[in-house]
Protein backbone atom coordinates (compact mmCIF):
# COMPACT_ATOMS: atom_id res chain seq x y z
CA MET A 1 -132.74 54.11 190.31
CA VAL A 2 -129.09 53.30 188.27
CA ARG A 3 -130.11 52.83 183.95
CA GLY A 4 -126.85 52.54 182.27
CA THR A 5 -125.54 49.83 179.31
CA ALA A 6 -121.87 48.60 178.99
CA MET A 7 -122.19 49.45 174.65
CA PRO A 8 -123.13 53.05 173.50
CA PRO A 9 -126.92 53.40 172.42
CA HIS A 10 -125.89 53.25 168.49
CA SER A 11 -123.32 50.15 169.13
CA SER A 12 -124.67 46.55 167.08
CA GLY A 13 -123.83 44.81 170.22
CA MET A 14 -120.83 43.38 169.10
CA LEU A 15 -117.20 44.33 170.56
CA PRO A 16 -115.55 46.04 168.64
CA PRO A 17 -112.05 43.58 166.44
CA MET A 18 -109.44 41.91 169.10
CA GLU A 19 -106.06 42.48 168.24
CA VAL A 20 -104.37 39.78 167.97
CA SER A 21 -101.32 40.41 168.74
CA LEU A 22 -98.97 39.20 171.72
CA ASP A 23 -99.34 41.60 174.60
CA ALA A 24 -103.04 40.98 173.34
CA LEU A 25 -103.44 37.63 174.19
CA LYS A 26 -100.81 38.35 177.41
CA ARG A 27 -103.46 41.07 178.71
CA ALA A 28 -106.53 38.12 178.21
CA ARG A 29 -103.86 35.45 179.64
CA ARG A 30 -104.08 37.55 182.46
CA LEU A 31 -107.54 38.25 182.89
CA ALA A 32 -108.45 34.11 182.24
CA GLY A 33 -106.02 32.89 185.55
CA PHE A 34 -103.38 30.88 182.94
CA ASP A 35 -99.91 30.79 183.48
CA TRP A 36 -98.89 30.33 179.84
CA ASN A 37 -95.41 31.78 178.30
CA ASP A 38 -95.15 33.36 174.98
CA ALA A 39 -94.45 30.08 173.31
CA GLU A 40 -97.59 28.93 174.11
CA LEU A 41 -99.78 31.72 173.91
CA GLU A 42 -97.84 32.26 169.76
CA ALA A 43 -98.83 29.27 168.76
CA ILE A 44 -102.14 29.48 169.77
CA ARG A 45 -102.18 32.52 168.24
CA PRO A 46 -103.26 32.06 164.64
CA ALA A 47 -105.75 29.44 165.21
CA VAL A 48 -107.42 32.56 167.95
CA ALA A 49 -106.96 34.99 164.96
CA ARG A 50 -109.14 32.91 162.79
CA ALA A 51 -111.31 32.24 165.44
CA LEU A 52 -112.10 35.74 165.50
CA ASP A 53 -112.34 35.95 161.40
CA LEU A 54 -115.73 32.92 162.64
CA LEU A 55 -117.03 35.56 164.81
CA ALA A 56 -117.12 38.83 162.33
CA ARG A 57 -118.09 36.28 159.62
CA LEU A 58 -121.09 34.91 162.29
CA GLU A 59 -122.19 38.92 162.07
CA SER A 60 -122.36 39.90 159.37
CA LEU A 61 -124.78 36.76 157.80
CA PRO A 62 -128.50 38.41 156.65
CA LEU A 63 -131.10 36.74 159.39
CA ALA A 64 -133.97 39.32 158.17
CA ASN A 65 -135.32 36.91 156.99
CA VAL A 66 -134.94 34.40 158.61
CA GLU A 67 -137.18 32.70 160.39
CA PRO A 68 -136.67 31.60 164.50
CA THR A 69 -135.58 27.76 165.05
CA THR A 70 -139.15 25.98 166.15
CA GLN A 71 -138.61 23.58 169.09
CA TYR A 72 -140.53 20.94 170.57
CA ARG A 73 -141.41 19.03 173.03
CA VAL A 74 -143.01 15.50 173.45
CA LEU A 75 -144.90 16.00 176.64
């Protein structure tokens, strides 16, 4: 049996912050299979940077004292 993990044992489970450069967006574009040109990538770069900032802010929320969501089912 082989065991492994993609994250180091000391990791928080989140990926490191992504660089929002044109080259990084080109790599992501290729991996996702999109056929966007440089002008289109430059146009979405501010939105990608804002989205990544929001994700980083979500990761930093203090959730230790928050109770889990209660789900109710009607049968």
